[in-house]
Structure formats: C-alpha cells, structure tokens
Amino acid sequence: MSDSNQVRILVAGVRPTVSEVRDGETLADLAKRLTTGDLPLDRIESFYVNGQPVSDPSAYVVRGGDSIQAAQKHVGG
C-alpha cells in the first residue's frame, strides 16, 4: 500500500485506522467496504474530511492523504 493512496480514519472510541482507497471511491462506499464490528462505519452520524463537514458521503470522492473523522450515532434512550 502506498502512502499516497491511504486515508486515516478516526472514530471516537475506536482505534485509528489507515486504509487504502480505490480510484473514484466515495466516502459512503469506503464506509460500507470497511465496516466491521470493531469499526462501525455504518453507524456514523457525521463525517468530516480534513476538518470540514461532509454533507453527502455518497457524493464525496475520497483522495489519498485525506483524514476522515467520524462521530457515531447515539443509540438508546
């Protein structure tokens, strides 16, 4: 994996992750591909890339070098 093709993913309460991105991959596609029990990207309420909010993850094309921050949805009541 080349550094120029990697993103860093930071989710509150989860260990930071580094992942390779595919050409033309959207943030929503990346989240779907990487979701696991340890990395619950399907439960994200808000995404930020390089400190800027992303209003539509299915429209944002991820680029190598991006830093993705995310906040999980709160569950319960």
C-alpha atoms as a PDB file:
ATOM      1  CA  MET A   1       0.000   0.000   0.000  1.00  0.00           C
ATOM      2  CA  SER A   2       1.484   3.338  -0.977  1.00  0.00           C
ATOM      3  CA  ASP A   3       1.129   6.274   1.426  1.00  0.00           C
ATOM      4  CA  SER A   4      -0.308   8.437  -1.361  1.00  0.00           C
ATOM      5  CA  ASN A   5      -3.233   6.025  -1.656  1.00  0.00           C
ATOM      6  CA  GLN A   6      -4.087   5.863   2.048  1.00  0.00           C
ATOM      7  CA  VAL A   7      -6.547   7.656   4.286  1.00  0.00           C
ATOM      8  CA  ARG A   8      -6.552   7.854   8.068  1.00  0.00           C
ATOM      9  CA  ILE A   9      -9.893   7.187   9.776  1.00  0.00           C
ATOM     10  CA  LEU A  10     -10.570   8.444  13.282  1.00  0.00           C
ATOM     11  CA  VAL A  11     -13.793   7.399  15.008  1.00  0.00           C
ATOM     12  CA  ALA A  12     -14.419   8.408  18.621  1.00  0.00           C
ATOM     13  CA  GLY A  13     -13.904   5.400  20.901  1.00  0.00           C
ATOM     14  CA  VAL A  14     -12.256   3.288  18.167  1.00  0.00           C
ATOM     15  CA  ARG A  15      -8.562   2.747  17.415  1.00  0.00           C
ATOM     16  CA  PRO A  16      -7.356   4.912  14.471  1.00  0.00           C
ATOM     17  CA  THR A  17      -7.316   3.058  11.166  1.00  0.00           C
ATOM     18  CA  VAL A  18      -5.343   3.545   7.953  1.00  0.00           C
ATOM     19  CA  SER A  19      -6.835   2.176   4.749  1.00  0.00           C
ATOM     20  CA  GLU A  20      -6.110   2.122   1.055  1.00  0.00           C
ATOM     21  CA  VAL A  21      -8.619   3.950  -1.139  1.00  0.00           C
ATOM     22  CA  ARG A  22      -9.746   2.869  -4.588  1.00  0.00           C
ATOM     23  CA  ASP A  23      -9.888   5.227  -7.572  1.00  0.00           C
ATOM     24  CA  GLY A  24     -13.202   7.086  -7.623  1.00  0.00           C
ATOM     25  CA  GLU A  25     -14.342   5.605  -4.297  1.00  0.00           C
ATOM     26  CA  THR A  26     -16.843   7.746  -2.422  1.00  0.00           C
ATOM     27  CA  LEU A  27     -16.847   8.182   1.337  1.00  0.00           C
ATOM     28  CA  ALA A  28     -20.081   6.166   1.538  1.00  0.00           C
ATOM     29  CA  ASP A  29     -18.501   3.324  -0.491  1.00  0.00           C
ATOM     30  CA  LEU A  30     -15.389   3.363   1.699  1.00  0.00           C
ATOM     31  CA  ALA A  31     -17.515   3.254   4.860  1.00  0.00           C
ATOM     32  CA  LYS A  32     -19.542   0.326   3.535  1.00  0.00           C
ATOM     33  CA  ARG A  33     -16.412  -1.596   2.495  1.00  0.00           C
ATOM     34  CA  LEU A  34     -14.610  -1.074   5.816  1.00  0.00           C
ATOM     35  CA  THR A  35     -17.494  -1.554   8.271  1.00  0.00           C
ATOM     36  CA  THR A  36     -16.777  -4.284  10.814  1.00  0.00           C
ATOM     37  CA  GLY A  37     -17.748  -4.932  14.416  1.00  0.00           C
ATOM     38  CA  ASP A  38     -14.578  -3.107  15.508  1.00  0.00           C
ATOM     39  CA  LEU A  39     -15.028  -0.264  13.006  1.00  0.00           C
ATOM     40  CA  PRO A  40     -18.763   0.533  12.894  1.00  0.00           C
ATOM     41  CA  LEU A  41     -18.728   2.998   9.989  1.00  0.00           C
ATOM     42  CA  ASP A  42     -22.348   2.100   9.201  1.00  0.00           C
ATOM     43  CA  ARG A  43     -23.320   3.811  12.483  1.00  0.00           C
ATOM     44  CA  ILE A  44     -21.774   7.178  11.677  1.00  0.00           C
ATOM     45  CA  GLU A  45     -23.896  10.259  12.147  1.00  0.00           C
ATOM     46  CA  SER A  46     -21.414  12.874  10.899  1.00  0.00           C
ATOM     47  CA  PHE A  47     -18.325  12.658   8.707  1.00  0.00           C
ATOM     48  CA  TYR A  48     -15.578  15.272   8.481  1.00  0.00           C
ATOM     49  CA  VAL A  49     -12.725  15.194   5.986  1.00  0.00           C
ATOM     50  CA  ASN A  50      -9.638  17.229   6.790  1.00  0.00           C
ATOM     51  CA  GLY A  51     -11.677  19.053   9.436  1.00  0.00           C
ATOM     52  CA  GLN A  52     -14.514  20.035   7.071  1.00  0.00           C
ATOM     53  CA  PRO A  53     -18.045  18.594   7.368  1.00  0.00           C
ATOM     54  CA  VAL A  54     -19.231  16.316   4.574  1.00  0.00           C
ATOM     55  CA  SER A  55     -22.960  16.742   3.985  1.00  0.00           C
ATOM     56  CA  ASP A  56     -23.285  13.936   1.401  1.00  0.00           C
ATOM     57  CA  PRO A  57     -20.872  10.995   1.856  1.00  0.00           C
ATOM     58  CA  SER A  58     -22.201   9.385  -1.335  1.00  0.00           C
ATOM     59  CA  ALA A  59     -21.026  12.420  -3.352  1.00  0.00           C
ATOM     60  CA  TYR A  60     -17.606  12.990  -1.731  1.00  0.00           C
ATOM     61  CA  VAL A  61     -14.801  11.184  -3.597  1.00  0.00           C
ATOM     62  CA  VAL A  62     -12.084  10.161  -1.135  1.00  0.00           C
ATOM     63  CA  ARG A  63      -8.475  11.027  -2.008  1.00  0.00           C
ATOM     64  CA  GLY A  64      -5.254   9.553  -0.697  1.00  0.00           C
ATOM     65  CA  GLY A  65      -3.958  11.651   2.180  1.00  0.00           C
ATOM     66  CA  ASP A  66      -7.438  12.538   3.469  1.00  0.00           C
ATOM     67  CA  SER A  67      -8.003  12.449   7.201  1.00  0.00           C
ATOM     68  CA  ILE A  68     -11.531  11.248   7.955  1.00  0.00           C
ATOM     69  CA  GLN A  69     -13.097  11.940  11.327  1.00  0.00           C
ATOM     70  CA  ALA A  70     -16.449  10.484  12.327  1.00  0.00           C
ATOM     71  CA  ALA A  71     -18.949  10.558  15.164  1.00  0.00           C
ATOM     72  CA  GLN A  72     -21.136   7.519  15.855  1.00  0.00           C
ATOM     73  CA  LYS A  73     -24.908   7.762  16.231  1.00  0.00           C
ATOM     74  CA  HIS A  74     -26.104   7.565  19.814  1.00  0.00           C
ATOM     75  CA  VAL A  75     -28.276   4.536  20.466  1.00  0.00           C
ATOM     76  CA  GLY A  76     -30.663   4.026  23.350  1.00  0.00           C
ATOM     77  CA  GLY A  77     -32.851   6.290  25.358  1.00  0.00           C
END
